[in-house]
Amino acid sequence: MTDSQIHAFLRDSVIYEEDSEDGLGFEALYGLYISWCLLGNKVPIPDSAFRTAVRISGVKHDKRDGLRYYPGLRMIGEAARDYVVNSVPVAGALEVPTPALLVVEQDGPVSTLS
């Protein structure tokens, strides 16, 4: 990704609110970047290269609970809508239980693993 591409992503997909206590974690920012790439038919770079490109572009980060966090950043635009729609779990979705496995040992007892 070239410098102009990372700047275009940041310009199109985030705003900075200096006095905001909110922000984006790295996973959310990278997910937003993936959405931006898919919508723009761009090939995404690996997360480590993205992390470096964002740092070089001047976006400040902190750590919260040991995770990289970008205070003051907020998602905007088309990529934000795409990211939210495709990454937020559906409320009330049911988890499908994993069926128990029947284990038969030769010359031994039959047991069930779940």
PDB file of N, CA and C in Angstrom:
ATOM      1  N   MET A   1       0.851  -1.164   0.000  1.00  0.00           N
ATOM      2  CA  MET A   1       0.000   0.000   0.000  1.00  0.00           C
ATOM      3  C   MET A   1       0.901   1.232   0.000  1.00  0.00           C
ATOM      4  N   THR A   2       0.647   2.163  -0.867  1.00  0.00           N
ATOM      5  CA  THR A   2       1.443   3.386  -0.922  1.00  0.00           C
ATOM      6  C   THR A   2       0.953   4.372   0.126  1.00  0.00           C
ATOM      7  N   ASP A   3       1.796   5.374   0.411  1.00  0.00           N
ATOM      8  CA  ASP A   3       1.395   6.396   1.377  1.00  0.00           C
ATOM      9  C   ASP A   3       0.098   7.072   0.957  1.00  0.00           C
ATOM     10  N   SER A   4      -0.060   7.336  -0.345  1.00  0.00           N
ATOM     11  CA  SER A   4      -1.283   7.992  -0.797  1.00  0.00           C
ATOM     12  C   SER A   4      -2.506   7.110  -0.554  1.00  0.00           C
ATOM     13  N   GLN A   5      -2.338   5.786  -0.633  1.00  0.00           N
ATOM     14  CA  GLN A   5      -3.465   4.883  -0.379  1.00  0.00           C
ATOM     15  C   GLN A   5      -3.857   4.884   1.097  1.00  0.00           C
ATOM     16  N   ILE A   6      -2.889   4.860   2.004  1.00  0.00           N
ATOM     17  CA  ILE A   6      -3.241   4.875   3.425  1.00  0.00           C
ATOM     18  C   ILE A   6      -3.888   6.203   3.790  1.00  0.00           C
ATOM     19  N   HIS A   7      -3.399   7.282   3.207  1.00  0.00           N
ATOM     20  CA  HIS A   7      -4.015   8.587   3.453  1.00  0.00           C
ATOM     21  C   HIS A   7      -5.434   8.627   2.893  1.00  0.00           C
ATOM     22  N   ALA A   8      -5.654   8.025   1.736  1.00  0.00           N
ATOM     23  CA  ALA A   8      -7.001   7.976   1.154  1.00  0.00           C
ATOM     24  C   ALA A   8      -7.935   7.166   2.048  1.00  0.00           C
ATOM     25  N   PHE A   9      -7.457   6.034   2.555  1.00  0.00           N
ATOM     26  CA  PHE A   9      -8.258   5.220   3.462  1.00  0.00           C
ATOM     27  C   PHE A   9      -8.640   6.029   4.702  1.00  0.00           C
ATOM     28  N   LEU A  10      -7.662   6.669   5.323  1.00  0.00           N
ATOM     29  CA  LEU A  10      -7.928   7.442   6.533  1.00  0.00           C
ATOM     30  C   LEU A  10      -8.870   8.616   6.247  1.00  0.00           C
ATOM     31  N   ARG A  11      -8.673   9.283   5.121  1.00  0.00           N
ATOM     32  CA  ARG A  11      -9.529  10.414   4.747  1.00  0.00           C
ATOM     33  C   ARG A  11     -10.973   9.960   4.513  1.00  0.00           C
ATOM     34  N   ASP A  12     -11.129   8.821   3.852  1.00  0.00           N
ATOM     35  CA  ASP A  12     -12.456   8.322   3.488  1.00  0.00           C
ATOM     36  C   ASP A  12     -13.202   7.641   4.631  1.00  0.00           C
ATOM     37  N   SER A  13     -12.458   7.083   5.596  1.00  0.00           N
ATOM     38  CA  SER A  13     -13.085   6.132   6.510  1.00  0.00           C
ATOM     39  C   SER A  13     -13.056   6.479   7.985  1.00  0.00           C
ATOM     40  N   VAL A  14     -12.280   7.491   8.395  1.00  0.00           N
ATOM     41  CA  VAL A  14     -12.252   7.853   9.808  1.00  0.00           C
ATOM     42  C   VAL A  14     -12.235   9.369   9.971  1.00  0.00           C
ATOM     43  N   ILE A  15     -12.701   9.811  11.118  1.00  0.00           N
ATOM     44  CA  ILE A  15     -12.507  11.203  11.517  1.00  0.00           C
ATOM     45  C   ILE A  15     -11.853  11.166  12.890  1.00  0.00           C
ATOM     46  N   TYR A  16     -11.156  12.242  13.198  1.00  0.00           N
ATOM     47  CA  TYR A  16     -10.487  12.356  14.487  1.00  0.00           C
ATOM     48  C   TYR A  16     -11.196  13.399  15.316  1.00  0.00           C
ATOM     49  N   GLU A  17     -11.613  12.995  16.509  1.00  0.00           N
ATOM     50  CA  GLU A  17     -12.260  13.903  17.454  1.00  0.00           C
ATOM     51  C   GLU A  17     -11.347  14.032  18.663  1.00  0.00           C
ATOM     52  N   GLU A  18     -10.617  15.144  18.707  1.00  0.00           N
ATOM     53  CA  GLU A  18      -9.567  15.327  19.698  1.00  0.00           C
ATOM     54  C   GLU A  18     -10.045  15.179  21.139  1.00  0.00           C
ATOM     55  N   ASP A  19     -11.209  15.698  21.453  1.00  0.00           N
ATOM     56  CA  ASP A  19     -11.675  15.670  22.840  1.00  0.00           C
ATOM     57  C   ASP A  19     -12.563  14.466  23.158  1.00  0.00           C
ATOM     58  N   SER A  20     -12.589  13.485  22.288  1.00  0.00           N
ATOM     59  CA  SER A  20     -13.408  12.296  22.503  1.00  0.00           C
ATOM     60  C   SER A  20     -12.630  11.262  23.317  1.00  0.00           C
ATOM     61  N   GLU A  21     -13.329  10.595  24.224  1.00  0.00           N
ATOM     62  CA  GLU A  21     -12.731   9.504  24.980  1.00  0.00           C
ATOM     63  C   GLU A  21     -12.868   8.186  24.224  1.00  0.00           C
ATOM     64  N   ASP A  22     -13.728   8.173  23.214  1.00  0.00           N
ATOM     65  CA  ASP A  22     -13.917   6.969  22.412  1.00  0.00           C
ATOM     66  C   ASP A  22     -12.782   6.837  21.415  1.00  0.00           C
ATOM     67  N   GLY A  23     -12.765   5.740  20.722  1.00  0.00           N
ATOM     68  CA  GLY A  23     -11.761   5.503  19.703  1.00  0.00           C
ATOM     69  C   GLY A  23     -11.971   4.139  19.088  1.00  0.00           C
ATOM     70  N   LEU A  24     -10.986   3.686  18.342  1.00  0.00           N
ATOM     71  CA  LEU A  24     -11.060   2.387  17.672  1.00  0.00           C
ATOM     72  C   LEU A  24      -9.901   1.510  18.114  1.00  0.00           C
ATOM     73  N   GLY A  25     -10.197   0.251  18.346  1.00  0.00           N
ATOM     74  CA  GLY A  25      -9.147  -0.731  18.577  1.00  0.00           C
ATOM     75  C   GLY A  25      -8.515  -1.097  17.238  1.00  0.00           C
ATOM     76  N   PHE A  26      -7.349  -1.712  17.306  1.00  0.00           N
ATOM     77  CA  PHE A  26      -6.665  -2.077  16.071  1.00  0.00           C
ATOM     78  C   PHE A  26      -7.512  -3.019  15.220  1.00  0.00           C
ATOM     79  N   GLU A  27      -8.146  -3.995  15.842  1.00  0.00           N
ATOM     80  CA  GLU A  27      -8.944  -4.967  15.076  1.00  0.00           C
ATOM     81  C   GLU A  27     -10.063  -4.267  14.306  1.00  0.00           C
ATOM     82  N   ALA A  28     -10.715  -3.295  14.933  1.00  0.00           N
ATOM     83  CA  ALA A  28     -11.789  -2.561  14.255  1.00  0.00           C
ATOM     84  C   ALA A  28     -11.228  -1.710  13.127  1.00  0.00           C
ATOM     85  N   LEU A  29     -10.090  -1.034  13.365  1.00  0.00           N
ATOM     86  CA  LEU A  29      -9.501  -0.195  12.324  1.00  0.00           C
ATOM     87  C   LEU A  29      -9.051  -1.044  11.141  1.00  0.00           C
ATOM     88  N   TYR A  30      -8.461  -2.196  11.418  1.00  0.00           N
ATOM     89  CA  TYR A  30      -8.017  -3.074  10.329  1.00  0.00           C
ATOM     90  C   TYR A  30      -9.232  -3.666   9.602  1.00  0.00           C
ATOM     91  N   GLY A  31     -10.276  -4.021  10.320  1.00  0.00           N
ATOM     92  CA  GLY A  31     -11.501  -4.516   9.690  1.00  0.00           C
ATOM     93  C   GLY A  31     -12.128  -3.458   8.799  1.00  0.00           C
ATOM     94  N   LEU A  32     -12.105  -2.214   9.256  1.00  0.00           N
ATOM     95  CA  LEU A  32     -12.595  -1.098   8.454  1.00  0.00           C
ATOM     96  C   LEU A  32     -11.767  -0.964   7.179  1.00  0.00           C
ATOM     97  N   TYR A  33     -10.457  -1.103   7.319  1.00  0.00           N
ATOM     98  CA  TYR A  33      -9.557  -1.046   6.162  1.00  0.00           C
ATOM     99  C   TYR A  33      -9.879  -2.166   5.159  1.00  0.00           C
ATOM    100  N   ILE A  34     -10.135  -3.364   5.659  1.00  0.00           N
ATOM    101  CA  ILE A  34     -10.487  -4.491   4.773  1.00  0.00           C
ATOM    102  C   ILE A  34     -11.766  -4.164   4.007  1.00  0.00           C
ATOM    103  N   SER A  35     -12.771  -3.617   4.692  1.00  0.00           N
ATOM    104  CA  SER A  35     -14.015  -3.219   4.017  1.00  0.00           C
ATOM    105  C   SER A  35     -13.735  -2.165   2.955  1.00  0.00           C
ATOM    106  N   TRP A  36     -12.901  -1.176   3.281  1.00  0.00           N
ATOM    107  CA  TRP A  36     -12.539  -0.115   2.337  1.00  0.00           C
ATOM    108  C   TRP A  36     -11.867  -0.718   1.103  1.00  0.00           C
ATOM    109  N   CYS A  37     -10.971  -1.667   1.315  1.00  0.00           N
ATOM    110  CA  CYS A  37     -10.294  -2.319   0.190  1.00  0.00           C
ATOM    111  C   CYS A  37     -11.277  -3.082  -0.683  1.00  0.00           C
ATOM    112  N   LEU A  38     -12.156  -3.850  -0.064  1.00  0.00           N
ATOM    113  CA  LEU A  38     -13.115  -4.644  -0.832  1.00  0.00           C
ATOM    114  C   LEU A  38     -14.044  -3.755  -1.647  1.00  0.00           C
ATOM    115  N   LEU A  39     -14.506  -2.675  -1.053  1.00  0.00           N
ATOM    116  CA  LEU A  39     -15.392  -1.758  -1.777  1.00  0.00           C
ATOM    117  C   LEU A  39     -14.674  -1.048  -2.916  1.00  0.00           C
ATOM    118  N   GLY A  40     -13.372  -0.830  -2.760  1.00  0.00           N
ATOM    119  CA  GLY A  40     -12.593  -0.126  -3.779  1.00  0.00           C
ATOM    120  C   GLY A  40     -11.791  -1.041  -4.691  1.00  0.00           C
ATOM    121  N   ASN A  41     -12.054  -2.355  -4.602  1.00  0.00           N
ATOM    122  CA  ASN A  41     -11.335  -3.350  -5.413  1.00  0.00           C
ATOM    123  C   ASN A  41      -9.815  -3.231  -5.250  1.00  0.00           C
ATOM    124  N   LYS A  42      -9.378  -3.081  -3.998  1.00  0.00           N
ATOM    125  CA  LYS A  42      -7.952  -3.011  -3.689  1.00  0.00           C
ATOM    126  C   LYS A  42      -7.549  -4.274  -2.948  1.00  0.00           C
ATOM    127  N   VAL A  43      -6.309  -4.665  -3.083  1.00  0.00           N
ATOM    128  CA  VAL A  43      -5.798  -5.838  -2.382  1.00  0.00           C
ATOM    129  C   VAL A  43      -5.293  -5.376  -1.013  1.00  0.00           C
ATOM    130  N   PRO A  44      -5.856  -5.918   0.072  1.00  0.00           N
ATOM    131  CA  PRO A  44      -5.423  -5.496   1.402  1.00  0.00           C
ATOM    132  C   PRO A  44      -4.012  -5.988   1.722  1.00  0.00           C
ATOM    133  N   ILE A  45      -3.299  -5.189   2.521  1.00  0.00           N
ATOM    134  CA  ILE A  45      -1.977  -5.602   2.975  1.00  0.00           C
ATOM    135  C   ILE A  45      -2.133  -6.323   4.312  1.00  0.00           C
ATOM    136  N   PRO A  46      -1.134  -7.095   4.710  1.00  0.00           N
ATOM    137  CA  PRO A  46      -1.218  -7.800   6.004  1.00  0.00           C
ATOM    138  C   PRO A  46      -1.329  -6.814   7.171  1.00  0.00           C
ATOM    139  N   ASP A  47      -1.884  -7.301   8.270  1.00  0.00           N
ATOM    140  CA  ASP A  47      -2.114  -6.424   9.415  1.00  0.00           C
ATOM    141  C   ASP A  47      -0.843  -5.783   9.950  1.00  0.00           C
ATOM    142  N   SER A  48       0.289  -6.479   9.926  1.00  0.00           N
ATOM    143  CA  SER A  48       1.533  -5.890  10.438  1.00  0.00           C
ATOM    144  C   SER A  48       1.987  -4.716   9.571  1.00  0.00           C
ATOM    145  N   ALA A  49       1.867  -4.834   8.255  1.00  0.00           N
ATOM    146  CA  ALA A  49       2.225  -3.738   7.353  1.00  0.00           C
ATOM    147  C   ALA A  49       1.241  -2.585   7.503  1.00  0.00           C
ATOM    148  N   PHE A  50      -0.023  -2.900   7.724  1.00  0.00           N
ATOM    149  CA  PHE A  50      -1.035  -1.868   7.940  1.00  0.00           C
ATOM    150  C   PHE A  50      -0.737  -1.094   9.219  1.00  0.00           C
ATOM    151  N   ARG A  51      -0.402  -1.828  10.283  1.00  0.00           N
ATOM    152  CA  ARG A  51      -0.082  -1.189  11.564  1.00  0.00           C
ATOM    153  C   ARG A  51       1.067  -0.194  11.385  1.00  0.00           C
ATOM    154  N   THR A  52       2.098  -0.595  10.655  1.00  0.00           N
ATOM    155  CA  THR A  52       3.247   0.270  10.397  1.00  0.00           C
ATOM    156  C   THR A  52       2.842   1.479   9.563  1.00  0.00           C
ATOM    157  N   ALA A  53       2.040   1.265   8.515  1.00  0.00           N
ATOM    158  CA  ALA A  53       1.610   2.356   7.638  1.00  0.00           C
ATOM    159  C   ALA A  53       0.784   3.386   8.399  1.00  0.00           C
ATOM    160  N   VAL A  54      -0.076   2.928   9.300  1.00  0.00           N
ATOM    161  CA  VAL A  54      -0.898   3.841  10.095  1.00  0.00           C
ATOM    162  C   VAL A  54       0.004   4.646  11.034  1.00  0.00           C
ATOM    163  N   ARG A  55       0.979   3.993  11.640  1.00  0.00           N
ATOM    164  CA  ARG A  55       1.907   4.690  12.541  1.00  0.00           C
ATOM    165  C   ARG A  55       2.698   5.742  11.777  1.00  0.00           C
ATOM    166  N   ILE A  56       3.207   5.385  10.599  1.00  0.00           N
ATOM    167  CA  ILE A  56       3.990   6.317   9.786  1.00  0.00           C
ATOM    168  C   ILE A  56       3.136   7.504   9.338  1.00  0.00           C
ATOM    169  N   SER A  57       1.840   7.266   9.146  1.00  0.00           N
ATOM    170  CA  SER A  57       0.957   8.352   8.710  1.00  0.00           C
ATOM    171  C   SER A  57       0.680   9.362   9.824  1.00  0.00           C
ATOM    172  N   GLY A  58       1.106   9.047  11.043  1.00  0.00           N
ATOM    173  CA  GLY A  58       0.971   9.986  12.147  1.00  0.00           C
ATOM    174  C   GLY A  58      -0.194   9.746  13.071  1.00  0.00           C
ATOM    175  N   VAL A  59      -0.942   8.671  12.882  1.00  0.00           N
ATOM    176  CA  VAL A  59      -2.070   8.377  13.765  1.00  0.00           C
ATOM    177  C   VAL A  59      -1.513   7.875  15.098  1.00  0.00           C
ATOM    178  N   LYS A  60      -1.900   8.535  16.169  1.00  0.00           N
ATOM    179  CA  LYS A  60      -1.416   8.190  17.507  1.00  0.00           C
ATOM    180  C   LYS A  60      -2.185   6.999  18.065  1.00  0.00           C
ATOM    181  N   HIS A  61      -1.485   6.174  18.826  1.00  0.00           N
ATOM    182  CA  HIS A  61      -2.140   5.041  19.471  1.00  0.00           C
ATOM    183  C   HIS A  61      -1.719   4.954  20.933  1.00  0.00           C
ATOM    184  N   ASP A  62      -2.533   4.264  21.702  1.00  0.00           N
ATOM    185  CA  ASP A  62      -2.269   3.938  23.098  1.00  0.00           C
ATOM    186  C   ASP A  62      -2.483   2.446  23.243  1.00  0.00           C
ATOM    187  N   LYS A  63      -2.338   1.979  24.471  1.00  0.00           N
ATOM    188  CA  LYS A  63      -2.672   0.584  24.770  1.00  0.00           C
ATOM    189  C   LYS A  63      -3.749   0.586  25.840  1.00  0.00           C
ATOM    190  N   ARG A  64      -4.759  -0.243  25.632  1.00  0.00           N
ATOM    191  CA  ARG A  64      -5.808  -0.475  26.627  1.00  0.00           C
ATOM    192  C   ARG A  64      -5.920  -1.968  26.831  1.00  0.00           C
ATOM    193  N   ASP A  65      -5.792  -2.366  28.053  1.00  0.00           N
ATOM    194  CA  ASP A  65      -5.845  -3.803  28.387  1.00  0.00           C
ATOM    195  C   ASP A  65      -4.875  -4.597  27.530  1.00  0.00           C
ATOM    196  N   GLY A  66      -3.712  -4.000  27.242  1.00  0.00           N
ATOM    197  CA  GLY A  66      -2.681  -4.678  26.466  1.00  0.00           C
ATOM    198  C   GLY A  66      -2.913  -4.689  24.967  1.00  0.00           C
ATOM    199  N   LEU A  67      -3.967  -4.014  24.488  1.00  0.00           N
ATOM    200  CA  LEU A  67      -4.288  -4.000  23.054  1.00  0.00           C
ATOM    201  C   LEU A  67      -4.092  -2.603  22.482  1.00  0.00           C
ATOM    202  N   ARG A  68      -3.666  -2.536  21.227  1.00  0.00           N
ATOM    203  CA  ARG A  68      -3.464  -1.254  20.541  1.00  0.00           C
ATOM    204  C   ARG A  68      -4.822  -0.594  20.324  1.00  0.00           C
ATOM    205  N   TYR A  69      -4.860   0.709  20.632  1.00  0.00           N
ATOM    206  CA  TYR A  69      -6.096   1.470  20.614  1.00  0.00           C
ATOM    207  C   TYR A  69      -5.796   2.855  20.048  1.00  0.00           C
ATOM    208  N   TYR A  70      -6.686   3.371  19.191  1.00  0.00           N
ATOM    209  CA  TYR A  70      -6.512   4.674  18.549  1.00  0.00           C
ATOM    210  C   TYR A  70      -7.557   5.644  19.105  1.00  0.00           C
ATOM    211  N   PRO A  71      -7.201   6.399  20.163  1.00  0.00           N
ATOM    212  CA  PRO A  71      -8.186   7.301  20.773  1.00  0.00           C
ATOM    213  C   PRO A  71      -8.587   8.426  19.828  1.00  0.00           C
ATOM    214  N   GLY A  72      -9.862   8.781  19.882  1.00  0.00           N
ATOM    215  CA  GLY A  72     -10.383   9.885  19.080  1.00  0.00           C
ATOM    216  C   GLY A  72     -10.817   9.504  17.676  1.00  0.00           C
ATOM    217  N   LEU A  73     -10.482   8.301  17.201  1.00  0.00           N
ATOM    218  CA  LEU A  73     -10.888   7.904  15.849  1.00  0.00           C
ATOM    219  C   LEU A  73     -12.311   7.365  15.861  1.00  0.00           C
ATOM    220  N   ARG A  74     -13.058   7.740  14.837  1.00  0.00           N
ATOM    221  CA  ARG A  74     -14.428   7.250  14.662  1.00  0.00           C
ATOM    222  C   ARG A  74     -14.630   6.884  13.207  1.00  0.00           C
ATOM    223  N   MET A  75     -15.328   5.782  12.951  1.00  0.00           N
ATOM    224  CA  MET A  75     -15.600   5.321  11.589  1.00  0.00           C
ATOM    225  C   MET A  75     -16.615   6.217  10.907  1.00  0.00           C
ATOM    226  N   ILE A  76     -16.404   6.446   9.606  1.00  0.00           N
ATOM    227  CA  ILE A  76     -17.375   7.180   8.795  1.00  0.00           C
ATOM    228  C   ILE A  76     -17.425   6.559   7.406  1.00  0.00           C
ATOM    229  N   GLY A  77     -18.437   6.916   6.651  1.00  0.00           N
ATOM    230  CA  GLY A  77     -18.503   6.589   5.238  1.00  0.00           C
ATOM    231  C   GLY A  77     -18.995   5.198   4.906  1.00  0.00           C
ATOM    232  N   GLU A  78     -18.852   4.902   3.636  1.00  0.00           N
ATOM    233  CA  GLU A  78     -19.349   3.648   3.071  1.00  0.00           C
ATOM    234  C   GLU A  78     -18.668   2.419   3.672  1.00  0.00           C
ATOM    235  N   ALA A  79     -17.361   2.487   3.871  1.00  0.00           N
ATOM    236  CA  ALA A  79     -16.641   1.346   4.449  1.00  0.00           C
ATOM    237  C   ALA A  79     -17.102   1.090   5.878  1.00  0.00           C
ATOM    238  N   ALA A  80     -17.427   2.147   6.618  1.00  0.00           N
ATOM    239  CA  ALA A  80     -17.920   1.984   7.990  1.00  0.00           C
ATOM    240  C   ALA A  80     -19.246   1.229   7.994  1.00  0.00           C
ATOM    241  N   ARG A  81     -20.144   1.612   7.097  1.00  0.00           N
ATOM    242  CA  ARG A  81     -21.427   0.897   7.007  1.00  0.00           C
ATOM    243  C   ARG A  81     -21.199  -0.569   6.659  1.00  0.00           C
ATOM    244  N   ASP A  82     -20.333  -0.820   5.687  1.00  0.00           N
ATOM    245  CA  ASP A  82     -20.049  -2.192   5.274  1.00  0.00           C
ATOM    246  C   ASP A  82     -19.443  -2.999   6.422  1.00  0.00           C
ATOM    247  N   TYR A  83     -18.487  -2.408   7.120  1.00  0.00           N
ATOM    248  CA  TYR A  83     -17.829  -3.097   8.235  1.00  0.00           C
ATOM    249  C   TYR A  83     -18.833  -3.439   9.329  1.00  0.00           C
ATOM    250  N   VAL A  84     -19.648  -2.473   9.713  1.00  0.00           N
ATOM    251  CA  VAL A  84     -20.615  -2.702  10.794  1.00  0.00           C
ATOM    252  C   VAL A  84     -21.634  -3.759  10.391  1.00  0.00           C
ATOM    253  N   VAL A  85     -22.175  -3.646   9.200  1.00  0.00           N
ATOM    254  CA  VAL A  85     -23.196  -4.607   8.747  1.00  0.00           C
ATOM    255  C   VAL A  85     -22.635  -6.026   8.680  1.00  0.00           C
ATOM    256  N   ASN A  86     -21.374  -6.163   8.286  1.00  0.00           N
ATOM    257  CA  ASN A  86     -20.804  -7.494   8.081  1.00  0.00           C
ATOM    258  C   ASN A  86     -20.014  -8.040   9.257  1.00  0.00           C
ATOM    259  N   SER A  87     -19.878  -7.290  10.349  1.00  0.00           N
ATOM    260  CA  SER A  87     -19.073  -7.798  11.449  1.00  0.00           C
ATOM    261  C   SER A  87     -19.796  -7.856  12.786  1.00  0.00           C
ATOM    262  N   VAL A  88     -20.935  -7.213  12.906  1.00  0.00           N
ATOM    263  CA  VAL A  88     -21.661  -7.217  14.171  1.00  0.00           C
ATOM    264  C   VAL A  88     -22.566  -8.441  14.212  1.00  0.00           C
ATOM    265  N   PRO A  89     -22.455  -9.245  15.286  1.00  0.00           N
ATOM    266  CA  PRO A  89     -23.328 -10.417  15.380  1.00  0.00           C
ATOM    267  C   PRO A  89     -24.795 -10.004  15.448  1.00  0.00           C
ATOM    268  N   VAL A  90     -25.638 -10.824  14.895  1.00  0.00           N
ATOM    269  CA  VAL A  90     -27.072 -10.569  14.894  1.00  0.00           C
ATOM    270  C   VAL A  90     -27.609 -10.826  16.294  1.00  0.00           C
ATOM    271  N   ALA A  91     -28.338  -9.861  16.844  1.00  0.00           N
ATOM    272  CA  ALA A  91     -28.912 -10.012  18.178  1.00  0.00           C
ATOM    273  C   ALA A  91     -29.884 -11.182  18.185  1.00  0.00           C
ATOM    274  N   GLY A  92     -29.771 -12.007  19.186  1.00  0.00           N
ATOM    275  CA  GLY A  92     -30.686 -13.135  19.328  1.00  0.00           C
ATOM    276  C   GLY A  92     -30.319 -14.336  18.478  1.00  0.00           C
ATOM    277  N   ALA A  93     -29.170 -14.278  17.794  1.00  0.00           N
ATOM    278  CA  ALA A  93     -28.763 -15.430  16.982  1.00  0.00           C
ATOM    279  C   ALA A  93     -28.469 -16.607  17.910  1.00  0.00           C
ATOM    280  N   LEU A  94     -28.884 -17.769  17.493  1.00  0.00           N
ATOM    281  CA  LEU A  94     -28.684 -18.963  18.302  1.00  0.00           C
ATOM    282  C   LEU A  94     -27.359 -19.623  17.953  1.00  0.00           C
ATOM    283  N   GLU A  95     -26.680 -20.090  18.982  1.00  0.00           N
ATOM    284  CA  GLU A  95     -25.461 -20.848  18.767  1.00  0.00           C
ATOM    285  C   GLU A  95     -25.854 -22.298  18.545  1.00  0.00           C
ATOM    286  N   VAL A  96     -25.334 -22.891  17.490  1.00  0.00           N
ATOM    287  CA  VAL A  96     -25.652 -24.278  17.177  1.00  0.00           C
ATOM    288  C   VAL A  96     -24.764 -25.177  18.024  1.00  0.00           C
ATOM    289  N   PRO A  97     -25.355 -26.045  18.827  1.00  0.00           N
ATOM    290  CA  PRO A  97     -24.544 -26.906  19.681  1.00  0.00           C
ATOM    291  C   PRO A  97     -23.763 -27.930  18.853  1.00  0.00           C
ATOM    292  N   THR A  98     -22.581 -28.240  19.335  1.00  0.00           N
ATOM    293  CA  THR A  98     -21.767 -29.258  18.682  1.00  0.00           C
ATOM    294  C   THR A  98     -22.245 -30.616  19.168  1.00  0.00           C
ATOM    295  N   PRO A  99     -22.516 -31.538  18.233  1.00  0.00           N
ATOM    296  CA  PRO A  99     -22.990 -32.856  18.664  1.00  0.00           C
ATOM    297  C   PRO A  99     -21.896 -33.616  19.410  1.00  0.00           C
ATOM    298  N   ALA A 100     -22.314 -34.458  20.340  1.00  0.00           N
ATOM    299  CA  ALA A 100     -21.370 -35.278  21.092  1.00  0.00           C
ATOM    300  C   ALA A 100     -20.756 -36.316  20.162  1.00  0.00           C
ATOM    301  N   LEU A 101     -19.502 -36.650  20.430  1.00  0.00           N
ATOM    302  CA  LEU A 101     -18.814 -37.683  19.657  1.00  0.00           C
ATOM    303  C   LEU A 101     -18.825 -38.967  20.454  1.00  0.00           C
ATOM    304  N   LEU A 102     -19.129 -40.049  19.780  1.00  0.00           N
ATOM    305  CA  LEU A 102     -19.125 -41.356  20.420  1.00  0.00           C
ATOM    306  C   LEU A 102     -17.761 -41.974  20.195  1.00  0.00           C
ATOM    307  N   VAL A 103     -17.077 -42.304  21.292  1.00  0.00           N
ATOM    308  CA  VAL A 103     -15.739 -42.883  21.203  1.00  0.00           C
ATOM    309  C   VAL A 103     -15.821 -44.319  21.669  1.00  0.00           C
ATOM    310  N   VAL A 104     -15.397 -45.223  20.813  1.00  0.00           N
ATOM    311  CA  VAL A 104     -15.399 -46.636  21.139  1.00  0.00           C
ATOM    312  C   VAL A 104     -13.955 -47.089  21.162  1.00  0.00           C
ATOM    313  N   GLU A 105     -13.502 -47.531  22.330  1.00  0.00           N
ATOM    314  CA  GLU A 105     -12.134 -48.036  22.459  1.00  0.00           C
ATOM    315  C   GLU A 105     -12.183 -49.548  22.304  1.00  0.00           C
ATOM    316  N   GLN A 106     -11.181 -50.054  21.609  1.00  0.00           N
ATOM    317  CA  GLN A 106     -11.128 -51.502  21.403  1.00  0.00           C
ATOM    318  C   GLN A 106     -10.946 -52.186  22.755  1.00  0.00           C
ATOM    319  N   ASP A 107     -11.813 -53.116  23.036  1.00  0.00           N
ATOM    320  CA  ASP A 107     -11.800 -53.879  24.286  1.00  0.00           C
ATOM    321  C   ASP A 107     -11.919 -52.977  25.510  1.00  0.00           C
ATOM    322  N   GLY A 108     -12.616 -51.863  25.355  1.00  0.00           N
ATOM    323  CA  GLY A 108     -12.752 -50.953  26.501  1.00  0.00           C
ATOM    324  C   GLY A 108     -14.157 -50.391  26.549  1.00  0.00           C
ATOM    325  N   PRO A 109     -14.365 -49.483  27.482  1.00  0.00           N
ATOM    326  CA  PRO A 109     -15.703 -48.905  27.653  1.00  0.00           C
ATOM    327  C   PRO A 109     -16.034 -47.910  26.517  1.00  0.00           C
ATOM    328  N   VAL A 110     -17.309 -47.665  26.355  1.00  0.00           N
ATOM    329  CA  VAL A 110     -17.793 -46.689  25.400  1.00  0.00           C
ATOM    330  C   VAL A 110     -18.002 -45.383  26.169  1.00  0.00           C
ATOM    331  N   SER A 111     -17.481 -44.285  25.625  1.00  0.00           N
ATOM    332  CA  SER A 111     -17.657 -43.004  26.301  1.00  0.00           C
ATOM    333  C   SER A 111     -18.132 -41.948  25.299  1.00  0.00           C
ATOM    334  N   THR A 112     -18.694 -40.875  25.810  1.00  0.00           N
ATOM    335  CA  THR A 112     -19.179 -39.788  24.970  1.00  0.00           C
ATOM    336  C   THR A 112     -18.368 -38.550  25.261  1.00  0.00           C
ATOM    337  N   LEU A 113     -17.849 -37.891  24.196  1.00  0.00           N
ATOM    338  CA  LEU A 113     -17.138 -36.625  24.329  1.00  0.00           C
ATOM    339  C   LEU A 113     -18.032 -35.523  23.840  1.00  0.00           C
ATOM    340  N   SER A 114     -18.093 -34.421  24.567  1.00  0.00           N
ATOM    341  CA  SER A 114     -18.870 -33.288  24.084  1.00  0.00           C
ATOM    342  C   SER A 114     -18.065 -32.040  24.146  1.00  0.00           C
TER     343      SER A 114
END
